[in-house]
Amino acid sequence: MSSLHLAVVEVGGLVLMQARQAGASYVDRDPALARQVADRHNLVSIRVRAIEETVLALIARRQPVASDLRVILAMSRTAWEYARASGTAARVAAGVSGQGGRAAEGPGQATGRDVRHLAELAQDMLSRGLEALDRLDPALAGRVVLLDAELDAEFAAGLRRLMSRTIEDGRLISRGLESAFALKSFERIGDHAKAVAQLVCDAGQALAQARDAPAG
């Protein structure tokens, strides 16, 4: 159980770094950094598959019940949430490195500020969620869940500003679509961070119930 917990925390750290690199590579148009995001995504995928094998082995060999089973399943689902966040970050970076086609033009200065801000909010949620996961702290995880409302509001505001600029200048349509994708991607990464926090709440509550259960 301890090894499983540590493995999931390590994956969370990889995804946090990946999200930071994806945001910076997109705003600064850094293809080399974008390629690092893709490499990190491959590593995350390998680690998550290994975690899933560990989960299956634990269930088969130990046949856990009640609180232990809840914690194991929560760790498994957390790993997959991190895998999805990793994939989203990789898709943002792919538009910078040109993987799968022509590299996108990149955002204008104003939109770049909005993307950077949203990326920082998503990274903050990931960071706080990772701390909650490391400590299995439901109270800290609950605060991460509350941050999702702020992220959603900032996404909506940034998207409105982007649409206004695009309407004013039709030449920005292609760039605007790419920037809208980046904004949505970081909003989605925040959603995955929220889901991780909710799973931490479940795991923490399961452990608390196990400690409080009468012996025998």
Protein backbone atom coordinates (compact mmCIF):
# COMPACT_ATOMS: atom_id res chain seq x y z
CA MET A 1 0.00 0.00 0.00
CA SER A 2 2.81 2.40 0.89
CA SER A 3 4.64 1.64 -2.35
CA LEU A 4 1.46 2.19 -4.34
CA HIS A 5 0.85 5.52 -2.63
CA LEU A 6 4.42 6.64 -3.31
CA ALA A 7 4.21 5.60 -6.98
CA VAL A 8 1.05 7.67 -7.50
CA VAL A 9 2.61 10.69 -5.77
CA GLU A 10 5.64 10.39 -8.08
CA VAL A 11 3.37 10.36 -11.14
CA GLY A 12 1.63 13.46 -9.80
CA GLY A 13 4.98 15.21 -9.56
CA LEU A 14 5.76 14.34 -13.17
CA VAL A 15 2.41 15.71 -14.34
CA LEU A 16 2.85 18.93 -12.34
CA MET A 17 6.18 19.54 -14.06
CA GLN A 18 4.65 18.65 -17.41
CA ALA A 19 1.83 21.18 -16.94
CA ARG A 20 4.37 23.89 -16.09
CA GLN A 21 6.41 23.06 -19.18
CA ALA A 22 3.33 22.95 -21.41
CA GLY A 23 2.21 26.42 -20.31
CA ALA A 24 5.66 27.93 -20.72
CA SER A 25 6.29 26.25 -24.08
CA TYR A 26 2.97 27.49 -25.45
CA VAL A 27 3.29 31.11 -24.34
CA ASP A 28 7.02 31.40 -25.11
CA ARG A 29 6.84 29.27 -28.31
CA ASP A 30 9.64 26.98 -27.17
CA PRO A 31 9.71 23.80 -29.32
CA ALA A 32 12.51 22.18 -27.30
CA LEU A 33 10.54 22.56 -24.08
CA ALA A 34 7.42 21.28 -25.85
CA ARG A 35 9.25 18.11 -26.85
CA GLN A 36 10.16 17.56 -23.19
CA VAL A 37 6.44 17.59 -22.42
CA ALA A 38 5.91 14.79 -24.94
CA ASP A 39 8.79 12.78 -23.47
CA ARG A 40 7.38 13.22 -19.97
CA HIS A 41 3.97 12.06 -21.18
CA ASN A 42 5.52 8.81 -22.40
CA LEU A 43 7.11 8.33 -18.97
CA VAL A 44 3.80 9.04 -17.22
CA SER A 45 2.06 6.45 -19.39
CA ILE A 46 4.66 3.81 -18.47
CA ARG A 47 4.38 4.63 -14.76
CA VAL A 48 0.58 4.52 -14.79
CA ARG A 49 0.56 1.11 -16.47
CA ALA A 50 2.96 -0.13 -13.77
CA ILE A 51 0.66 1.25 -11.08
CA GLU A 52 -2.29 -0.57 -12.61
CA GLU A 53 -0.32 -3.82 -12.54
CA THR A 54 0.48 -3.21 -8.87
CA VAL A 55 -3.18 -2.58 -8.12
CA LEU A 56 -4.24 -5.80 -9.79
CA ALA A 57 -1.55 -7.73 -7.94
CA LEU A 58 -2.60 -6.25 -4.58
CA ILE A 59 -6.23 -7.16 -5.15
CA ALA A 60 -5.39 -10.68 -6.32
CA ARG A 61 -2.91 -11.50 -3.57
CA ARG A 62 -4.26 -9.62 -0.55
CA GLN A 63 -7.98 -9.66 -1.38
CA PRO A 64 -8.50 -6.36 0.45
CA VAL A 65 -11.92 -5.40 1.76
CA ALA A 66 -13.67 -2.30 3.09
CA SER A 67 -11.34 0.66 3.69
CA ASP A 68 -8.22 -0.93 2.17
CA LEU A 69 -10.05 -1.67 -1.06
CA ARG A 70 -11.41 1.89 -1.20
CA VAL A 71 -7.92 3.31 -0.83
CA ILE A 72 -6.44 1.00 -3.48
CA LEU A 73 -9.17 1.84 -5.97
CA ALA A 74 -8.83 5.55 -5.21
CA MET A 75 -5.08 5.35 -5.94
CA SER A 76 -5.79 3.57 -9.22
CA ARG A 77 -8.32 6.17 -10.32
CA THR A 78 -5.98 8.97 -9.23
CA ALA A 79 -3.23 7.58 -11.44
CA TRP A 80 -5.58 7.55 -14.42
CA GLU A 81 -6.68 11.14 -13.73
CA TYR A 82 -3.01 12.10 -13.83
CA ALA A 83 -2.60 10.19 -17.09
CA ARG A 84 -5.46 12.17 -18.65
CA ALA A 85 -4.01 15.47 -17.42
CA SER A 86 -0.66 14.42 -18.88
CA GLY A 87 -2.24 13.70 -22.25
CA THR A 88 -3.93 17.10 -22.28
CA ALA A 89 -0.65 18.88 -21.52
CA ALA A 90 1.04 16.90 -24.29
CA ARG A 91 -1.59 18.00 -26.81
CA VAL A 92 -0.99 21.66 -25.93
CA ALA A 93 2.74 21.20 -26.43
CA ALA A 94 2.23 19.33 -29.71
CA GLY A 95 0.96 22.54 -31.29
CA VAL A 96 4.26 24.19 -30.42
CA SER A 97 6.64 21.43 -31.48
CA GLY A 98 4.72 20.77 -34.70
CA GLN A 99 4.16 17.10 -33.91
CA GLY A 100 1.40 15.71 -36.06
CA GLY A 101 1.37 18.68 -38.43
CA ARG A 102 2.28 22.34 -38.81
CA ALA A 103 3.17 24.21 -35.63
CA ALA A 104 0.53 26.75 -34.62
CA GLU A 105 1.21 30.48 -34.87
CA GLY A 106 0.91 31.07 -31.15
CA PRO A 107 -1.09 33.59 -29.12
CA GLY A 108 -0.92 37.33 -29.27
CA GLN A 109 0.36 39.22 -26.24
CA ALA A 110 -3.03 39.67 -24.57
CA THR A 111 -4.14 36.09 -25.13
CA GLY A 112 -0.72 34.87 -24.00
CA ARG A 113 -1.32 36.56 -20.65
CA ASP A 114 -4.70 34.83 -20.34
CA VAL A 115 -3.24 31.42 -21.19
CA ARG A 116 -0.36 31.91 -18.76
CA HIS A 117 -2.77 32.94 -15.99
CA LEU A 118 -5.05 29.96 -16.56
CA ALA A 119 -2.05 27.62 -16.73
CA GLU A 120 -0.80 28.97 -13.39
CA LEU A 121 -4.20 28.41 -11.77
CA ALA A 122 -4.30 24.84 -13.05
CA GLN A 123 -0.74 24.27 -11.83
CA ASP A 124 -1.68 25.63 -8.41
CA MET A 125 -4.53 23.15 -8.21
CA LEU A 126 -2.23 20.31 -9.24
CA SER A 127 0.39 21.37 -6.70
CA ARG A 128 -2.08 21.65 -3.81
CA GLY A 129 -3.73 18.41 -4.85
CA LEU A 130 -0.36 16.67 -4.92
CA GLU A 131 0.35 17.87 -1.39
CA ALA A 132 -3.06 16.62 -0.27
CA LEU A 133 -2.34 13.27 -1.94
CA ASP A 134 1.08 13.00 -0.30
CA ARG A 135 -0.45 13.63 3.13
CA LEU A 136 -3.80 11.96 2.36
CA ASP A 137 -5.38 15.09 3.82
CA PRO A 138 -9.13 15.42 3.04
CA ALA A 139 -9.27 18.99 4.40
CA LEU A 140 -6.52 20.20 2.07
CA ALA A 141 -8.07 18.27 -0.81
CA GLY A 142 -11.39 19.97 -0.13
CA ARG A 143 -9.78 23.37 -0.63
CA VAL A 144 -8.50 22.23 -4.02
CA VAL A 145 -12.05 21.34 -5.05
CA LEU A 146 -13.17 24.87 -4.17
CA LEU A 147 -10.49 26.39 -6.43
CA ASP A 148 -12.17 24.85 -9.47
CA ALA A 149 -14.88 27.54 -9.43
CA GLU A 150 -12.22 30.26 -9.75
CA LEU A 151 -10.56 28.41 -12.61
CA ASP A 152 -13.89 28.03 -14.44
CA ALA A 153 -14.64 31.75 -14.03
CA GLU A 154 -11.21 32.76 -15.34
CA PHE A 155 -11.58 30.41 -18.29
CA ALA A 156 -14.95 31.91 -19.22
CA ALA A 157 -13.57 35.45 -18.93
CA GLY A 158 -10.46 34.64 -20.97
CA LEU A 159 -12.55 32.99 -23.66
CA ARG A 160 -14.86 36.01 -23.90
CA ARG A 161 -11.89 38.33 -24.35
CA LEU A 162 -10.42 36.05 -27.00
CA MET A 163 -13.70 35.89 -28.92
CA SER A 164 -14.00 39.68 -28.82
CA ARG A 165 -10.54 40.13 -30.31
CA THR A 166 -11.23 37.51 -32.96
CA ILE A 167 -14.52 39.16 -33.99
CA GLU A 168 -12.79 42.53 -34.30
CA ASP A 169 -10.11 41.12 -36.61
CA GLY A 170 -11.09 38.18 -38.82
CA ARG A 171 -7.43 37.49 -39.60
CA LEU A 172 -7.08 36.14 -36.06
CA ILE A 173 -9.59 33.30 -36.47
CA SER A 174 -7.00 30.54 -36.93
CA ARG A 175 -4.87 31.80 -34.08
CA GLY A 176 -7.97 32.33 -31.96
CA LEU A 177 -9.08 28.72 -32.37
CA GLU A 178 -5.66 27.47 -31.30
CA SER A 179 -5.66 29.77 -28.29
CA ALA A 180 -9.18 28.68 -27.33
CA PHE A 181 -7.93 25.10 -27.39
CA ALA A 182 -5.05 26.02 -25.05
CA LEU A 183 -7.38 27.81 -22.64
CA LYS A 184 -9.77 24.86 -22.60
CA SER A 185 -6.90 22.43 -22.11
CA PHE A 186 -5.71 24.13 -18.93
CA GLU A 187 -9.29 24.35 -17.68
CA ARG A 188 -9.51 20.59 -18.27
CA ILE A 189 -6.24 19.98 -16.42
CA GLY A 190 -7.82 21.83 -13.50
CA ASP A 191 -10.79 19.48 -13.74
CA HIS A 192 -8.42 16.52 -13.42
CA ALA A 193 -6.78 18.15 -10.40
CA LYS A 194 -10.23 18.56 -8.85
CA ALA A 195 -11.01 14.89 -9.53
CA VAL A 196 -7.74 13.88 -7.84
CA ALA A 197 -8.65 15.98 -4.81
CA GLN A 198 -12.06 14.31 -4.60
CA LEU A 199 -10.38 10.89 -4.71
CA VAL A 200 -8.00 11.97 -1.94
CA CYS A 201 -11.02 12.93 0.14
CA ASP A 202 -12.46 9.45 -0.38
CA ALA A 203 -9.17 7.71 0.47
CA GLY A 204 -8.60 9.87 3.53
CA GLN A 205 -12.10 9.23 4.82
CA ALA A 206 -11.66 5.49 4.29
CA LEU A 207 -8.45 5.51 6.34
CA ALA A 208 -10.10 7.57 9.08
CA GLN A 209 -12.98 5.12 9.29
CA ALA A 210 -10.53 2.22 9.52
CA ARG A 211 -8.71 3.91 12.42
CA ASP A 212 -11.96 4.64 14.24
CA ALA A 213 -13.43 1.17 13.76
CA PRO A 214 -13.60 -0.90 16.97
CA ALA A 215 -10.99 -3.66 17.22
CA GLY A 216 -12.11 -7.28 16.72
